[in-house]
Amino acid sequence: MKIFKFLALLFGAIAMLIGSGSCKKDEDKTECCSYSITEQGITYTYKACEDGKLYYSKTGEPTVTYSWTDDYGSWAEVKDEYIQMGASCS
């Protein structure tokens, strides 16, 4: 009988660990918005993320990373501006 109680506690503990791990993954998700503009055959891509990072790339060149926190007061402000430029957010 004690073995069954022990196994029940063990399975319960494992279930709790698995459940708390899946919640943590949801909390770690960072929202980002991005859009691209093509002018004279060159594509410019802009991506801003809720964590304060802003990425800029141009066809044929490496991506440059900035921080939007120096130029904007909040993520909502950045997101609104990007949406006005036709960005999609996820």
N, C-alpha and C. Protein backbone atom coordinates (compact mmCIF):
# COMPACT_ATOMS: atom_id res chain seq x y z
N MET A 1 0.82 -1.19 0.00
CA MET A 1 0.00 0.00 0.00
C MET A 1 0.87 1.26 0.00
N LYS A 2 1.96 1.22 0.78
CA LYS A 2 2.85 2.38 0.84
C LYS A 2 3.50 2.64 -0.51
N ILE A 3 3.76 1.60 -1.26
CA ILE A 3 4.37 1.77 -2.58
C ILE A 3 3.44 2.53 -3.52
N PHE A 4 2.13 2.27 -3.40
CA PHE A 4 1.17 2.98 -4.25
C PHE A 4 1.10 4.46 -3.89
N LYS A 5 1.16 4.76 -2.59
CA LYS A 5 1.17 6.16 -2.16
C LYS A 5 2.44 6.85 -2.66
N PHE A 6 3.55 6.18 -2.56
CA PHE A 6 4.81 6.74 -3.03
C PHE A 6 4.76 7.01 -4.53
N LEU A 7 4.26 6.05 -5.30
CA LEU A 7 4.16 6.22 -6.75
C LEU A 7 3.20 7.36 -7.11
N ALA A 8 2.10 7.47 -6.37
CA ALA A 8 1.15 8.56 -6.62
C ALA A 8 1.81 9.91 -6.37
N LEU A 9 2.56 10.02 -5.28
CA LEU A 9 3.28 11.26 -4.99
C LEU A 9 4.33 11.56 -6.06
N LEU A 10 5.03 10.53 -6.49
CA LEU A 10 6.06 10.69 -7.50
C LEU A 10 5.45 11.17 -8.83
N PHE A 11 4.38 10.54 -9.27
CA PHE A 11 3.72 10.94 -10.51
C PHE A 11 3.14 12.35 -10.39
N GLY A 12 2.61 12.69 -9.23
CA GLY A 12 2.09 14.04 -9.01
C GLY A 12 3.18 15.09 -9.11
N ALA A 13 4.32 14.80 -8.52
CA ALA A 13 5.45 15.74 -8.57
C ALA A 13 5.93 15.92 -10.00
N ILE A 14 6.02 14.83 -10.75
CA ILE A 14 6.45 14.91 -12.15
C ILE A 14 5.45 15.74 -12.96
N ALA A 15 4.16 15.51 -12.75
CA ALA A 15 3.13 16.27 -13.47
C ALA A 15 3.23 17.76 -13.16
N MET A 16 3.50 18.10 -11.91
CA MET A 16 3.63 19.51 -11.54
C MET A 16 4.84 20.14 -12.22
N LEU A 17 5.95 19.43 -12.29
CA LEU A 17 7.14 19.95 -12.94
C LEU A 17 6.91 20.18 -14.43
N ILE A 18 6.27 19.23 -15.07
CA ILE A 18 5.97 19.37 -16.49
C ILE A 18 5.03 20.54 -16.73
N GLY A 19 4.02 20.67 -15.90
CA GLY A 19 3.05 21.77 -16.03
C GLY A 19 3.68 23.13 -15.83
N SER A 20 4.55 23.28 -14.85
CA SER A 20 5.17 24.58 -14.60
C SER A 20 6.16 24.93 -15.70
N GLY A 21 6.78 23.96 -16.32
CA GLY A 21 7.69 24.22 -17.42
C GLY A 21 6.98 24.76 -18.64
N SER A 22 5.79 24.26 -18.92
CA SER A 22 5.05 24.75 -20.08
C SER A 22 4.56 26.18 -19.88
N CYS A 23 4.24 26.56 -18.66
CA CYS A 23 3.82 27.94 -18.38
C CYS A 23 4.99 28.89 -18.56
N LYS A 24 6.16 28.48 -18.16
CA LYS A 24 7.33 29.34 -18.28
C LYS A 24 7.62 29.66 -19.74
N LYS A 25 7.45 28.70 -20.62
CA LYS A 25 7.68 28.94 -22.03
C LYS A 25 6.75 30.02 -22.56
N ASP A 26 5.49 30.04 -22.11
CA ASP A 26 4.54 31.06 -22.55
C ASP A 26 4.96 32.43 -22.05
N GLU A 27 5.48 32.51 -20.84
CA GLU A 27 5.89 33.79 -20.27
C GLU A 27 7.11 34.36 -20.98
N ASP A 28 7.97 33.52 -21.52
CA ASP A 28 9.20 33.96 -22.16
C ASP A 28 9.00 34.49 -23.57
N LYS A 29 7.83 34.33 -24.13
CA LYS A 29 7.57 34.76 -25.50
C LYS A 29 7.60 36.29 -25.58
N THR A 30 8.43 36.81 -26.47
CA THR A 30 8.57 38.24 -26.67
C THR A 30 7.84 38.65 -27.94
N GLU A 31 6.99 39.66 -27.85
CA GLU A 31 6.27 40.15 -29.02
C GLU A 31 7.21 40.98 -29.88
N CYS A 32 7.11 40.78 -31.19
CA CYS A 32 7.90 41.54 -32.16
C CYS A 32 7.01 41.99 -33.31
N CYS A 33 7.35 43.13 -33.90
CA CYS A 33 6.66 43.65 -35.07
C CYS A 33 7.69 43.89 -36.16
N SER A 34 7.35 43.56 -37.40
CA SER A 34 8.30 43.76 -38.49
C SER A 34 7.59 44.17 -39.77
N TYR A 35 8.34 44.91 -40.59
CA TYR A 35 7.85 45.28 -41.91
C TYR A 35 9.05 45.47 -42.83
N SER A 36 8.79 45.43 -44.13
CA SER A 36 9.84 45.62 -45.14
C SER A 36 9.39 46.63 -46.17
N ILE A 37 10.35 47.34 -46.70
CA ILE A 37 10.11 48.31 -47.78
C ILE A 37 11.12 48.00 -48.88
N THR A 38 10.66 47.97 -50.12
CA THR A 38 11.57 47.76 -51.24
C THR A 38 11.58 49.01 -52.11
N GLU A 39 12.77 49.55 -52.31
CA GLU A 39 12.96 50.74 -53.14
C GLU A 39 14.12 50.48 -54.09
N GLN A 40 13.90 50.67 -55.38
CA GLN A 40 14.91 50.49 -56.42
C GLN A 40 15.62 49.14 -56.29
N GLY A 41 14.86 48.10 -56.00
CA GLY A 41 15.40 46.75 -55.92
C GLY A 41 16.11 46.41 -54.62
N ILE A 42 16.14 47.34 -53.67
CA ILE A 42 16.78 47.09 -52.38
C ILE A 42 15.69 46.96 -51.33
N THR A 43 15.73 45.88 -50.56
CA THR A 43 14.74 45.65 -49.51
C THR A 43 15.32 46.05 -48.16
N TYR A 44 14.60 46.89 -47.47
CA TYR A 44 14.94 47.32 -46.12
C TYR A 44 13.96 46.66 -45.17
N THR A 45 14.46 45.95 -44.18
CA THR A 45 13.61 45.25 -43.22
C THR A 45 13.85 45.81 -41.83
N TYR A 46 12.74 46.10 -41.15
CA TYR A 46 12.78 46.65 -39.79
C TYR A 46 12.02 45.71 -38.87
N LYS A 47 12.61 45.42 -37.72
CA LYS A 47 11.95 44.56 -36.74
C LYS A 47 12.23 45.13 -35.35
N ALA A 48 11.18 45.35 -34.59
CA ALA A 48 11.31 45.82 -33.21
C ALA A 48 10.65 44.80 -32.29
N CYS A 49 11.27 44.57 -31.14
CA CYS A 49 10.74 43.60 -30.19
C CYS A 49 10.50 44.26 -28.84
N GLU A 50 9.55 43.69 -28.13
CA GLU A 50 9.13 44.20 -26.83
C GLU A 50 10.28 44.28 -25.83
N ASP A 51 11.30 43.46 -26.02
CA ASP A 51 12.43 43.43 -25.09
C ASP A 51 13.40 44.60 -25.28
N GLY A 52 13.09 45.53 -26.20
CA GLY A 52 13.91 46.72 -26.39
C GLY A 52 14.83 46.67 -27.59
N LYS A 53 14.85 45.54 -28.31
CA LYS A 53 15.75 45.42 -29.45
C LYS A 53 15.08 45.85 -30.75
N LEU A 54 15.87 46.46 -31.61
CA LEU A 54 15.41 46.88 -32.93
C LEU A 54 16.43 46.36 -33.94
N TYR A 55 15.96 45.69 -34.98
CA TYR A 55 16.83 45.12 -35.98
C TYR A 55 16.58 45.80 -37.32
N TYR A 56 17.66 46.10 -38.05
CA TYR A 56 17.57 46.73 -39.35
C TYR A 56 18.45 45.96 -40.31
N SER A 57 17.91 45.65 -41.47
CA SER A 57 18.74 45.00 -42.48
C SER A 57 18.41 45.56 -43.86
N LYS A 58 19.39 45.46 -44.72
CA LYS A 58 19.30 45.95 -46.10
C LYS A 58 19.83 44.83 -46.99
N THR A 59 19.23 44.62 -48.13
CA THR A 59 19.62 43.54 -49.03
C THR A 59 21.14 43.51 -49.20
N GLY A 60 21.71 42.33 -48.97
CA GLY A 60 23.13 42.13 -49.18
C GLY A 60 24.03 42.60 -48.05
N GLU A 61 23.46 43.11 -46.97
CA GLU A 61 24.27 43.58 -45.84
C GLU A 61 23.85 42.86 -44.56
N PRO A 62 24.75 42.78 -43.58
CA PRO A 62 24.40 42.11 -42.32
C PRO A 62 23.36 42.90 -41.53
N THR A 63 22.62 42.20 -40.69
CA THR A 63 21.62 42.83 -39.84
C THR A 63 22.31 43.60 -38.72
N VAL A 64 21.80 44.81 -38.47
CA VAL A 64 22.33 45.66 -37.41
C VAL A 64 21.31 45.68 -36.27
N THR A 65 21.77 45.59 -35.04
CA THR A 65 20.90 45.59 -33.87
C THR A 65 21.07 46.88 -33.09
N TYR A 66 19.95 47.49 -32.76
CA TYR A 66 19.92 48.72 -31.96
C TYR A 66 19.02 48.50 -30.76
N SER A 67 18.89 49.53 -29.95
CA SER A 67 17.91 49.55 -28.87
C SER A 67 16.93 50.69 -29.12
N TRP A 68 15.64 50.39 -29.13
CA TRP A 68 14.65 51.44 -29.36
C TRP A 68 14.36 52.24 -28.09
N THR A 69 14.87 51.80 -26.96
CA THR A 69 14.55 52.47 -25.69
C THR A 69 15.12 53.88 -25.60
N ASP A 70 16.13 54.20 -26.41
CA ASP A 70 16.69 55.56 -26.41
C ASP A 70 15.78 56.55 -27.14
N ASP A 71 15.01 56.05 -28.10
CA ASP A 71 14.19 56.93 -28.94
C ASP A 71 12.70 56.89 -28.66
N TYR A 72 12.24 55.88 -27.94
CA TYR A 72 10.81 55.72 -27.67
C TYR A 72 10.59 55.56 -26.18
N GLY A 73 9.41 55.97 -25.74
CA GLY A 73 9.09 55.88 -24.32
C GLY A 73 8.52 54.55 -23.88
N SER A 74 7.89 53.81 -24.81
CA SER A 74 7.25 52.56 -24.42
C SER A 74 7.11 51.63 -25.62
N TRP A 75 6.88 50.36 -25.32
CA TRP A 75 6.64 49.38 -26.39
C TRP A 75 5.38 49.73 -27.17
N ALA A 76 4.36 50.23 -26.50
CA ALA A 76 3.11 50.60 -27.18
C ALA A 76 3.37 51.65 -28.25
N GLU A 77 4.22 52.60 -27.95
CA GLU A 77 4.56 53.66 -28.90
C GLU A 77 5.28 53.09 -30.13
N VAL A 78 6.22 52.20 -29.90
CA VAL A 78 6.95 51.55 -30.99
C VAL A 78 5.99 50.72 -31.83
N LYS A 79 5.18 49.93 -31.17
CA LYS A 79 4.24 49.04 -31.86
C LYS A 79 3.27 49.84 -32.72
N ASP A 80 2.73 50.92 -32.18
CA ASP A 80 1.81 51.77 -32.95
C ASP A 80 2.47 52.31 -34.21
N GLU A 81 3.69 52.80 -34.08
CA GLU A 81 4.40 53.35 -35.24
C GLU A 81 4.66 52.27 -36.28
N TYR A 82 5.07 51.09 -35.84
CA TYR A 82 5.33 50.00 -36.78
C TYR A 82 4.05 49.54 -37.47
N ILE A 83 2.96 49.47 -36.75
CA ILE A 83 1.68 49.08 -37.36
C ILE A 83 1.27 50.11 -38.41
N GLN A 84 1.50 51.38 -38.15
CA GLN A 84 1.19 52.43 -39.13
C GLN A 84 2.01 52.26 -40.41
N MET A 85 3.20 51.66 -40.27
CA MET A 85 4.06 51.42 -41.43
C MET A 85 3.70 50.10 -42.13
N GLY A 86 2.69 49.40 -41.63
CA GLY A 86 2.23 48.17 -42.25
C GLY A 86 2.83 46.91 -41.64
N ALA A 87 3.36 47.03 -40.45
CA ALA A 87 4.00 45.88 -39.79
C ALA A 87 2.99 44.84 -39.36
N SER A 88 3.46 43.61 -39.27
CA SER A 88 2.69 42.56 -38.65
C SER A 88 3.39 42.22 -37.33
N CYS A 89 2.61 41.92 -36.32
CA CYS A 89 3.16 41.67 -34.99
C CYS A 89 2.77 40.28 -34.50
N SER A 90 3.68 39.66 -33.79
CA SER A 90 3.40 38.35 -33.20
C SER A 90 4.25 38.13 -31.98
